[in-house]
Amino acid sequence: MRTAIDFSPLYRSAVGFDRLVNLLDSAARTDTAPGWPPYNIERLPAAEGEDQGDSYRIEVAVAGFRPDQLNIEVKENVLTVTGKKDDDAATRTFLHRGLAERSFERRFQLADHIKVTEADLANGLLSITLKLEVPEAKKAKTIAIKTASYTNDSAPVLTAAE
């Protein structure tokens, strides 16, 4: 049995960290999250010339679902995968029912600047590819340093350092 963690001291002393506290709070409540359908989250290898991989893949086991029964939506940094199963159990007679044929909704909290690039369904696995796309305004820039050099007439000439 888990005890609830009180995050109110963080709310009182840290301004602008409410999203982080909400993530911690939701992570503390993982035992109430549904375990179906199972999924994997994988960091993809770095592309040529990159320091580390900035692409990810989420694979969700959705055997028995057609593409028209699945929906992928991103809103406010939350990726939601839903599957709507047709309710045809009333027309079928089961001697044993062991396959989970039910609708589902699975949510994934995304970091800032994570974009969904593609999704495909093959062999009962829904693969969703994500990529970190940092805007140019947020990337580090290297600034050339100019130096002053003097000519014969003592007027400084600015040149870029190499």
Protein backbone atom coordinates (compact mmCIF):
# COMPACT_ATOMS: atom_id res chain seq x y z
CA MET A 1 0.00 0.00 0.00
CA ARG A 2 1.32 3.40 -0.96
CA THR A 3 0.96 6.61 0.94
CA ALA A 4 0.16 9.81 -0.88
CA ILE A 5 2.97 12.34 -1.20
CA ASP A 6 2.09 15.92 -0.34
CA PHE A 7 3.55 18.23 -2.99
CA SER A 8 2.02 21.42 -1.56
CA PRO A 9 5.36 22.70 -0.15
CA LEU A 10 6.73 22.70 -3.70
CA TYR A 11 3.75 24.70 -4.93
CA ARG A 12 4.36 27.30 -2.22
CA SER A 13 8.09 27.74 -2.82
CA ALA A 14 8.60 27.13 -6.55
CA VAL A 15 6.97 29.34 -9.13
CA GLY A 16 6.50 27.89 -12.60
CA PHE A 17 7.23 24.28 -11.65
CA ASP A 18 3.60 23.21 -11.39
CA ARG A 19 3.89 21.05 -14.52
CA LEU A 20 6.84 19.17 -13.01
CA VAL A 21 4.96 18.64 -9.76
CA ASN A 22 1.93 17.36 -11.69
CA LEU A 23 4.19 14.87 -13.48
CA LEU A 24 5.62 13.69 -10.16
CA ASP A 25 2.14 13.40 -8.72
CA SER A 26 0.87 11.36 -11.67
CA ALA A 27 3.96 9.12 -11.53
CA ALA A 28 3.25 8.46 -7.86
CA ARG A 29 -0.19 7.17 -8.84
CA THR A 30 1.00 4.63 -11.42
CA ASP A 31 -0.53 1.70 -9.54
CA THR A 32 -4.01 2.90 -10.54
CA ALA A 33 -3.10 3.16 -14.23
CA PRO A 34 -4.51 0.45 -16.48
CA GLY A 35 -2.01 -2.14 -17.66
CA TRP A 36 -3.68 -2.77 -20.98
CA PRO A 37 -2.65 -2.63 -23.75
CA PRO A 38 1.03 -3.32 -23.13
CA TYR A 39 3.55 -0.94 -24.72
CA ASN A 40 7.27 -0.27 -25.16
CA ILE A 41 9.09 3.07 -25.27
CA GLU A 42 12.40 2.93 -27.12
CA ARG A 43 15.11 5.51 -27.75
CA LEU A 44 16.27 5.16 -31.33
CA PRO A 45 20.01 5.21 -32.15
CA ALA A 46 21.61 8.53 -32.98
CA ALA A 47 21.69 9.50 -36.63
CA GLU A 48 24.97 10.12 -38.41
CA GLY A 49 26.70 13.18 -36.92
CA GLU A 50 24.50 13.46 -33.79
CA ASP A 51 25.77 13.20 -30.21
CA GLN A 52 22.80 11.26 -28.89
CA GLY A 53 19.55 9.92 -30.20
CA ASP A 54 16.74 12.43 -30.22
CA SER A 55 14.15 10.10 -31.75
CA TYR A 56 11.86 7.72 -29.90
CA ARG A 57 9.42 4.96 -30.76
CA ILE A 58 6.35 3.93 -28.81
CA GLU A 59 5.00 0.49 -29.70
CA VAL A 60 1.52 -0.42 -28.49
CA ALA A 61 0.21 -3.99 -28.76
CA VAL A 62 -3.14 -3.60 -30.54
CA ALA A 63 -3.73 -7.06 -32.00
CA GLY A 64 -7.24 -7.35 -33.41
CA PHE A 65 -7.69 -3.62 -34.06
CA ARG A 66 -8.07 -2.25 -37.57
CA PRO A 67 -6.53 1.14 -38.49
CA ASP A 68 -10.01 2.72 -38.61
CA GLN A 69 -10.57 1.67 -34.96
CA LEU A 70 -7.41 3.44 -33.74
CA ASN A 71 -6.86 7.15 -33.14
CA ILE A 72 -3.68 9.06 -32.27
CA GLU A 73 -3.95 12.63 -30.99
CA VAL A 74 -1.48 15.13 -29.52
CA LYS A 75 -2.80 18.01 -27.46
CA GLU A 76 -0.89 20.15 -24.95
CA ASN A 77 2.10 17.77 -24.87
CA VAL A 78 -0.06 14.71 -24.20
CA LEU A 79 -0.08 11.90 -26.76
CA THR A 80 -3.33 9.94 -26.55
CA VAL A 81 -3.79 6.59 -28.28
CA THR A 82 -7.35 5.27 -28.32
CA GLY A 83 -8.84 2.12 -29.70
CA LYS A 84 -12.60 1.68 -30.17
CA LYS A 85 -13.64 -1.94 -30.48
CA ASP A 86 -16.94 -2.83 -32.12
CA ASP A 87 -19.28 -4.49 -29.63
CA ASP A 88 -20.21 -7.64 -31.52
CA ALA A 89 -20.10 -9.98 -28.51
CA ALA A 90 -23.90 -10.10 -28.42
CA THR A 91 -23.96 -11.83 -31.80
CA ARG A 92 -21.25 -14.36 -30.90
CA THR A 93 -21.34 -17.38 -28.60
CA PHE A 94 -18.09 -17.97 -26.71
CA LEU A 95 -17.11 -21.31 -25.18
CA HIS A 96 -14.03 -19.61 -23.72
CA ARG A 97 -13.22 -15.91 -23.89
CA GLY A 98 -9.53 -15.28 -23.22
CA LEU A 99 -8.72 -12.46 -25.64
CA ALA A 100 -9.07 -8.91 -24.42
CA GLU A 101 -11.34 -7.32 -27.00
CA ARG A 102 -12.12 -4.02 -25.38
CA SER A 103 -11.72 -0.35 -26.10
CA PHE A 104 -8.80 1.47 -24.51
CA GLU A 105 -7.19 4.86 -24.01
CA ARG A 106 -3.48 5.21 -23.26
CA ARG A 107 -1.84 8.59 -22.52
CA PHE A 108 1.83 9.54 -22.74
CA GLN A 109 3.20 12.83 -21.37
CA LEU A 110 5.58 14.36 -23.92
CA ALA A 111 8.43 16.75 -23.22
CA ASP A 112 8.51 20.15 -24.88
CA HIS A 113 9.40 20.14 -28.60
CA ILE A 114 8.65 16.41 -29.08
CA LYS A 115 6.77 15.93 -32.35
CA VAL A 116 5.03 12.83 -33.70
CA THR A 117 6.58 12.15 -37.11
CA GLU A 118 4.80 8.97 -38.21
CA ALA A 119 2.69 6.02 -37.13
CA ASP A 120 2.23 2.62 -38.69
CA LEU A 121 0.39 -0.60 -37.86
CA ALA A 122 2.00 -3.95 -38.65
CA ASN A 123 1.70 -7.42 -37.11
CA GLY A 124 -0.56 -6.18 -34.31
CA LEU A 125 1.85 -3.44 -33.19
CA LEU A 126 1.09 0.25 -33.52
CA SER A 127 4.46 2.03 -33.87
CA ILE A 128 4.55 5.77 -33.23
CA THR A 129 7.80 7.58 -34.05
CA LEU A 130 8.61 10.80 -32.21
CA LYS A 131 11.44 13.29 -32.68
CA LEU A 132 12.85 16.10 -30.58
CA GLU A 133 12.71 19.22 -32.76
CA VAL A 134 14.24 22.13 -30.87
CA PRO A 135 13.40 25.48 -32.52
CA GLU A 136 16.31 27.49 -33.93
CA ALA A 137 15.64 30.24 -31.38
CA LYS A 138 16.34 27.76 -28.53
CA LYS A 139 19.52 26.25 -30.00
CA ALA A 140 22.97 27.40 -28.90
CA LYS A 141 24.73 29.74 -31.31
CA THR A 142 28.46 30.29 -31.72
CA ILE A 143 29.42 33.95 -31.99
CA ALA A 144 32.58 34.95 -33.86
CA ILE A 145 34.92 37.16 -31.85
CA LYS A 146 36.38 40.16 -33.67
CA THR A 147 39.84 41.46 -32.89
CA ALA A 148 41.39 44.84 -33.58
CA SER A 149 44.59 44.97 -35.61
CA TYR A 150 46.51 48.15 -36.36
CA THR A 151 47.71 49.32 -39.75
CA ASN A 152 50.53 51.73 -40.52
CA ASP A 153 48.30 54.76 -39.98
CA SER A 154 47.33 53.56 -36.45
CA ALA A 155 43.64 53.10 -37.30
CA PRO A 156 42.30 49.82 -35.87
CA VAL A 157 40.82 47.38 -38.37
CA LEU A 158 38.31 44.84 -37.08
CA THR A 159 38.64 41.30 -38.39
CA ALA A 160 36.86 38.13 -37.42
CA ALA A 161 38.91 35.58 -35.48
CA GLU A 162 39.43 32.29 -37.25
